[in-house]
Amino acid sequence: MHIHCLKHYLRARWPLAVVFVYAVFGFALRLWGSINILPPCLWTAIFHHHCPGCGITRACLSLLQGHVADAWNINPLVFPAIVIIISSVVADYIKFCRNFVPENYHNESKGKEI
């Protein structure tokens, strides 16, 4: 049931899946290939001042390399940001699966007596 629900969740939330794949691919290229395809901070580009989120990408890269202290020094907001993002996606997935009814559920239940 969970794999079937996951397939429908990804189909329903395809923009989220695209962003996730792009981020994973971007982080992998940055970590192992020194190629940066991740978007720059639009706030800094427009206003020429750092926003509170500036450095979160570099902090995430430091965490992926196991450098927790460096991630904290780059931007301490990376820790609550990761927790909030992961918990939001997991909560959304759980809510989706609770309300999910398989396509063939109605066809299978027609001939059965309760």
N, C-alpha and C. Protein backbone atom coordinates (compact mmCIF):
# COMPACT_ATOMS: atom_id res chain seq x y z
N MET A 1 0.83 -1.20 0.00
CA MET A 1 0.00 0.00 0.00
C MET A 1 0.86 1.26 0.00
N HIS A 2 1.97 1.24 0.77
CA HIS A 2 2.80 2.44 0.87
C HIS A 2 3.50 2.78 -0.44
N ILE A 3 3.95 1.78 -1.18
CA ILE A 3 4.60 2.04 -2.46
C ILE A 3 3.57 2.60 -3.44
N HIS A 4 2.37 2.04 -3.44
CA HIS A 4 1.31 2.53 -4.31
C HIS A 4 0.94 3.96 -3.92
N CYS A 5 0.87 4.23 -2.63
CA CYS A 5 0.56 5.58 -2.15
C CYS A 5 1.68 6.55 -2.51
N LEU A 6 2.93 6.11 -2.39
CA LEU A 6 4.08 6.95 -2.73
C LEU A 6 4.04 7.34 -4.21
N LYS A 7 3.69 6.39 -5.07
CA LYS A 7 3.61 6.66 -6.51
C LYS A 7 2.57 7.75 -6.79
N HIS A 8 1.42 7.65 -6.15
CA HIS A 8 0.37 8.65 -6.35
C HIS A 8 0.73 9.98 -5.69
N TYR A 9 1.43 9.91 -4.56
CA TYR A 9 1.87 11.14 -3.89
C TYR A 9 2.84 11.92 -4.78
N LEU A 10 3.80 11.22 -5.37
CA LEU A 10 4.76 11.89 -6.25
C LEU A 10 4.08 12.43 -7.50
N ARG A 11 3.08 11.73 -7.99
CA ARG A 11 2.34 12.21 -9.15
C ARG A 11 1.54 13.47 -8.79
N ALA A 12 0.94 13.47 -7.61
CA ALA A 12 0.13 14.63 -7.18
C ALA A 12 1.00 15.81 -6.78
N ARG A 13 2.17 15.52 -6.24
CA ARG A 13 3.07 16.58 -5.77
C ARG A 13 4.31 16.66 -6.67
N TRP A 14 4.12 16.57 -7.97
CA TRP A 14 5.26 16.53 -8.89
C TRP A 14 6.16 17.75 -8.80
N PRO A 15 5.67 18.97 -8.53
CA PRO A 15 6.63 20.08 -8.40
C PRO A 15 7.60 19.87 -7.24
N LEU A 16 7.09 19.32 -6.14
CA LEU A 16 7.96 19.03 -5.00
C LEU A 16 9.00 17.98 -5.37
N ALA A 17 8.59 16.96 -6.12
CA ALA A 17 9.52 15.92 -6.55
C ALA A 17 10.59 16.49 -7.49
N VAL A 18 10.20 17.39 -8.38
CA VAL A 18 11.17 18.01 -9.30
C VAL A 18 12.19 18.84 -8.53
N VAL A 19 11.73 19.63 -7.57
CA VAL A 19 12.64 20.45 -6.76
C VAL A 19 13.58 19.55 -5.97
N PHE A 20 13.06 18.46 -5.41
CA PHE A 20 13.89 17.54 -4.65
C PHE A 20 14.98 16.91 -5.51
N VAL A 21 14.61 16.43 -6.69
CA VAL A 21 15.59 15.81 -7.60
C VAL A 21 16.64 16.84 -8.02
N TYR A 22 16.20 18.06 -8.34
CA TYR A 22 17.12 19.12 -8.72
C TYR A 22 18.09 19.44 -7.58
N ALA A 23 17.58 19.52 -6.35
CA ALA A 23 18.44 19.82 -5.20
C ALA A 23 19.45 18.70 -4.97
N VAL A 24 19.00 17.46 -5.03
CA VAL A 24 19.93 16.32 -4.84
C VAL A 24 21.00 16.32 -5.92
N PHE A 25 20.58 16.51 -7.16
CA PHE A 25 21.53 16.55 -8.28
C PHE A 25 22.49 17.73 -8.13
N GLY A 26 21.97 18.90 -7.74
CA GLY A 26 22.81 20.08 -7.54
C GLY A 26 23.81 19.90 -6.41
N PHE A 27 23.37 19.32 -5.29
CA PHE A 27 24.28 19.07 -4.17
C PHE A 27 25.36 18.06 -4.57
N ALA A 28 24.96 17.02 -5.30
CA ALA A 28 25.93 16.01 -5.73
C ALA A 28 26.98 16.62 -6.65
N LEU A 29 26.55 17.43 -7.60
CA LEU A 29 27.51 18.09 -8.50
C LEU A 29 28.44 19.03 -7.73
N ARG A 30 27.89 19.72 -6.76
CA ARG A 30 28.70 20.66 -5.98
C ARG A 30 29.70 19.93 -5.09
N LEU A 31 29.26 18.82 -4.49
CA LEU A 31 30.14 18.08 -3.58
C LEU A 31 31.25 17.34 -4.32
N TRP A 32 30.88 16.63 -5.38
CA TRP A 32 31.84 15.74 -6.02
C TRP A 32 32.39 16.25 -7.33
N GLY A 33 31.77 17.26 -7.90
CA GLY A 33 32.25 17.74 -9.18
C GLY A 33 32.66 19.20 -9.18
N SER A 34 32.47 19.89 -8.06
CA SER A 34 32.76 21.32 -7.95
C SER A 34 32.04 22.14 -9.01
N ILE A 35 30.87 21.67 -9.43
CA ILE A 35 30.04 22.39 -10.39
C ILE A 35 28.83 22.93 -9.64
N ASN A 36 28.59 24.23 -9.78
CA ASN A 36 27.49 24.84 -9.04
C ASN A 36 26.34 25.17 -9.98
N ILE A 37 25.25 24.39 -9.87
CA ILE A 37 24.04 24.69 -10.65
C ILE A 37 22.92 25.17 -9.73
N LEU A 38 23.21 25.33 -8.45
CA LEU A 38 22.20 25.78 -7.49
C LEU A 38 21.95 27.27 -7.69
N PRO A 39 20.70 27.69 -7.51
CA PRO A 39 20.38 29.10 -7.76
C PRO A 39 21.01 30.03 -6.73
N PRO A 40 21.38 31.23 -7.14
CA PRO A 40 21.93 32.20 -6.18
C PRO A 40 20.79 32.80 -5.35
N CYS A 41 21.16 33.47 -4.28
CA CYS A 41 20.17 34.14 -3.43
C CYS A 41 19.63 35.36 -4.16
N LEU A 42 18.35 35.35 -4.45
CA LEU A 42 17.73 36.47 -5.16
C LEU A 42 17.72 37.74 -4.30
N TRP A 43 17.54 37.59 -3.00
CA TRP A 43 17.55 38.74 -2.09
C TRP A 43 18.87 39.48 -2.20
N THR A 44 19.98 38.74 -2.11
CA THR A 44 21.31 39.36 -2.20
C THR A 44 21.54 39.97 -3.58
N ALA A 45 21.07 39.30 -4.62
CA ALA A 45 21.25 39.81 -5.97
C ALA A 45 20.49 41.12 -6.19
N ILE A 46 19.31 41.25 -5.59
CA ILE A 46 18.50 42.45 -5.78
C ILE A 46 18.91 43.58 -4.83
N PHE A 47 19.06 43.27 -3.54
CA PHE A 47 19.25 44.30 -2.52
C PHE A 47 20.71 44.47 -2.08
N HIS A 48 21.60 43.59 -2.51
CA HIS A 48 23.02 43.64 -2.17
C HIS A 48 23.27 43.55 -0.66
N HIS A 49 22.39 42.87 0.06
CA HIS A 49 22.55 42.58 1.49
C HIS A 49 22.16 41.12 1.69
N HIS A 50 22.82 40.47 2.64
CA HIS A 50 22.52 39.06 2.91
C HIS A 50 21.20 38.92 3.66
N CYS A 51 20.44 37.93 3.27
CA CYS A 51 19.19 37.61 3.96
C CYS A 51 19.48 36.60 5.07
N PRO A 52 18.53 36.36 5.98
CA PRO A 52 18.77 35.37 7.05
C PRO A 52 19.03 33.96 6.52
N GLY A 53 18.55 33.66 5.32
CA GLY A 53 18.75 32.33 4.76
C GLY A 53 20.05 32.16 4.00
N CYS A 54 20.77 33.25 3.79
CA CYS A 54 22.03 33.16 3.04
C CYS A 54 23.01 32.23 3.76
N GLY A 55 23.56 31.33 3.00
CA GLY A 55 24.53 30.38 3.56
C GLY A 55 23.92 29.04 3.91
N ILE A 56 22.60 28.90 3.82
CA ILE A 56 21.99 27.62 4.17
C ILE A 56 22.44 26.52 3.20
N THR A 57 22.61 26.85 1.93
CA THR A 57 23.09 25.85 0.98
C THR A 57 24.50 25.40 1.35
N ARG A 58 25.37 26.35 1.64
CA ARG A 58 26.74 25.98 2.05
C ARG A 58 26.72 25.22 3.37
N ALA A 59 25.82 25.60 4.28
CA ALA A 59 25.72 24.89 5.55
C ALA A 59 25.23 23.45 5.33
N CYS A 60 24.27 23.26 4.42
CA CYS A 60 23.81 21.90 4.09
C CYS A 60 24.94 21.08 3.49
N LEU A 61 25.72 21.69 2.63
CA LEU A 61 26.87 20.98 2.05
C LEU A 61 27.86 20.59 3.14
N SER A 62 28.10 21.48 4.10
CA SER A 62 29.00 21.15 5.21
C SER A 62 28.44 20.00 6.04
N LEU A 63 27.13 20.01 6.28
CA LEU A 63 26.52 18.90 7.02
C LEU A 63 26.65 17.58 6.27
N LEU A 64 26.46 17.61 4.96
CA LEU A 64 26.60 16.38 4.17
C LEU A 64 28.02 15.83 4.22
N GLN A 65 28.98 16.71 4.44
CA GLN A 65 30.38 16.28 4.56
C GLN A 65 30.74 15.93 6.01
N GLY A 66 29.78 16.11 6.94
CA GLY A 66 30.02 15.77 8.33
C GLY A 66 30.64 16.89 9.16
N HIS A 67 30.65 18.10 8.67
CA HIS A 67 31.24 19.24 9.36
C HIS A 67 30.14 20.04 10.05
N VAL A 68 29.70 19.55 11.22
CA VAL A 68 28.58 20.15 11.94
C VAL A 68 28.95 21.55 12.44
N ALA A 69 30.13 21.71 13.01
CA ALA A 69 30.55 23.02 13.54
C ALA A 69 30.65 24.05 12.41
N ASP A 70 31.17 23.64 11.27
CA ASP A 70 31.25 24.56 10.13
C ASP A 70 29.84 24.98 9.67
N ALA A 71 28.91 24.02 9.65
CA ALA A 71 27.54 24.34 9.25
C ALA A 71 26.93 25.35 10.23
N TRP A 72 27.19 25.17 11.51
CA TRP A 72 26.68 26.10 12.52
C TRP A 72 27.28 27.49 12.32
N ASN A 73 28.57 27.55 12.04
CA ASN A 73 29.23 28.84 11.84
C ASN A 73 28.77 29.54 10.56
N ILE A 74 28.45 28.78 9.53
CA ILE A 74 27.99 29.38 8.27
C ILE A 74 26.59 29.97 8.46
N ASN A 75 25.65 29.18 8.98
CA ASN A 75 24.30 29.67 9.24
C ASN A 75 23.61 28.71 10.20
N PRO A 76 23.41 29.12 11.46
CA PRO A 76 22.78 28.23 12.43
C PRO A 76 21.32 27.91 12.13
N LEU A 77 20.70 28.66 11.23
CA LEU A 77 19.30 28.38 10.87
C LEU A 77 19.15 27.10 10.05
N VAL A 78 20.26 26.52 9.62
CA VAL A 78 20.19 25.30 8.82
C VAL A 78 19.55 24.16 9.61
N PHE A 79 19.80 24.10 10.91
CA PHE A 79 19.28 22.99 11.71
C PHE A 79 17.76 23.05 11.85
N PRO A 80 17.17 24.18 12.28
CA PRO A 80 15.70 24.20 12.30
C PRO A 80 15.08 24.14 10.90
N ALA A 81 15.77 24.67 9.90
CA ALA A 81 15.23 24.64 8.54
C ALA A 81 15.11 23.19 8.05
N ILE A 82 16.12 22.39 8.30
CA ILE A 82 16.08 20.98 7.87
C ILE A 82 14.97 20.23 8.60
N VAL A 83 14.86 20.47 9.91
CA VAL A 83 13.81 19.80 10.70
C VAL A 83 12.42 20.21 10.19
N ILE A 84 12.22 21.50 9.94
CA ILE A 84 10.92 21.98 9.47
C ILE A 84 10.59 21.42 8.09
N ILE A 85 11.55 21.41 7.19
CA ILE A 85 11.30 20.91 5.83
C ILE A 85 10.97 19.42 5.86
N ILE A 86 11.78 18.63 6.56
CA ILE A 86 11.55 17.18 6.61
C ILE A 86 10.23 16.87 7.30
N SER A 87 9.95 17.51 8.43
CA SER A 87 8.70 17.22 9.13
C SER A 87 7.48 17.66 8.32
N SER A 88 7.59 18.74 7.58
CA SER A 88 6.47 19.19 6.74
C SER A 88 6.19 18.20 5.62
N VAL A 89 7.22 17.70 4.97
CA VAL A 89 7.03 16.74 3.89
C VAL A 89 6.48 15.42 4.43
N VAL A 90 7.02 14.96 5.55
CA VAL A 90 6.53 13.71 6.14
C VAL A 90 5.07 13.86 6.58
N ALA A 91 4.71 14.98 7.22
CA ALA A 91 3.32 15.20 7.64
C ALA A 91 2.39 15.27 6.43
N ASP A 92 2.82 15.92 5.37
CA ASP A 92 2.01 16.00 4.15
C ASP A 92 1.82 14.61 3.53
N TYR A 93 2.88 13.81 3.52
CA TYR A 93 2.80 12.45 2.98
C TYR A 93 1.84 11.59 3.81
N ILE A 94 1.94 11.69 5.13
CA ILE A 94 1.05 10.90 6.00
C ILE A 94 -0.40 11.32 5.79
N LYS A 95 -0.65 12.62 5.71
CA LYS A 95 -2.00 13.11 5.47
C LYS A 95 -2.52 12.63 4.11
N PHE A 96 -1.67 12.67 3.10
CA PHE A 96 -2.05 12.20 1.77
C PHE A 96 -2.41 10.72 1.81
N CYS A 97 -1.58 9.91 2.46
CA CYS A 97 -1.83 8.46 2.51
C CYS A 97 -3.07 8.10 3.31
N ARG A 98 -3.37 8.87 4.35
CA ARG A 98 -4.59 8.60 5.13
C ARG A 98 -5.84 8.85 4.29
N ASN A 99 -5.79 9.82 3.41
CA ASN A 99 -6.94 10.15 2.57
C ASN A 99 -6.92 9.43 1.23
N PHE A 100 -5.88 8.65 0.99
CA PHE A 100 -5.70 7.99 -0.30
C PHE A 100 -6.61 6.76 -0.39
N VAL A 101 -7.34 6.67 -1.48
CA VAL A 101 -8.17 5.50 -1.77
C VAL A 101 -7.66 4.91 -3.08
N PRO A 102 -7.20 3.67 -3.06
CA PRO A 102 -6.71 3.07 -4.31
C PRO A 102 -7.79 3.09 -5.40
N GLU A 103 -7.32 3.18 -6.64
CA GLU A 103 -8.24 3.28 -7.79
C GLU A 103 -9.14 2.07 -7.91
N ASN A 104 -8.62 0.89 -7.61
CA ASN A 104 -9.41 -0.33 -7.77
C ASN A 104 -10.18 -0.69 -6.50
N TYR A 105 -10.18 0.13 -5.49
CA TYR A 105 -10.88 -0.16 -4.24
C TYR A 105 -12.38 -0.29 -4.46
N HIS A 106 -12.95 0.63 -5.23
CA HIS A 106 -14.39 0.61 -5.46
C HIS A 106 -14.78 -0.58 -6.34
N ASN A 107 -13.95 -0.98 -7.28
CA ASN A 107 -14.26 -2.11 -8.15
C ASN A 107 -14.21 -3.43 -7.38
N GLU A 108 -13.28 -3.57 -6.45
CA GLU A 108 -13.13 -4.80 -5.70
C GLU A 108 -14.25 -4.96 -4.66
N SER A 109 -14.74 -3.85 -4.11
CA SER A 109 -15.72 -3.94 -3.04
C SER A 109 -17.15 -4.11 -3.54
N LYS A 110 -17.41 -4.02 -4.85
CA LYS A 110 -18.78 -4.10 -5.36
C LYS A 110 -19.41 -5.47 -5.19
N GLY A 111 -18.68 -6.50 -5.40
CA GLY A 111 -19.25 -7.84 -5.33
C GLY A 111 -19.19 -8.46 -3.96
N LYS A 112 -18.64 -7.81 -2.99
CA LYS A 112 -18.48 -8.38 -1.66
C LYS A 112 -19.58 -7.92 -0.72
N GLU A 113 -20.02 -8.84 0.11
CA GLU A 113 -21.01 -8.49 1.12
C GLU A 113 -20.28 -8.11 2.39
N ILE A 114 -20.88 -7.17 3.10
CA ILE A 114 -20.24 -6.72 4.35
C ILE A 114 -20.97 -7.28 5.52
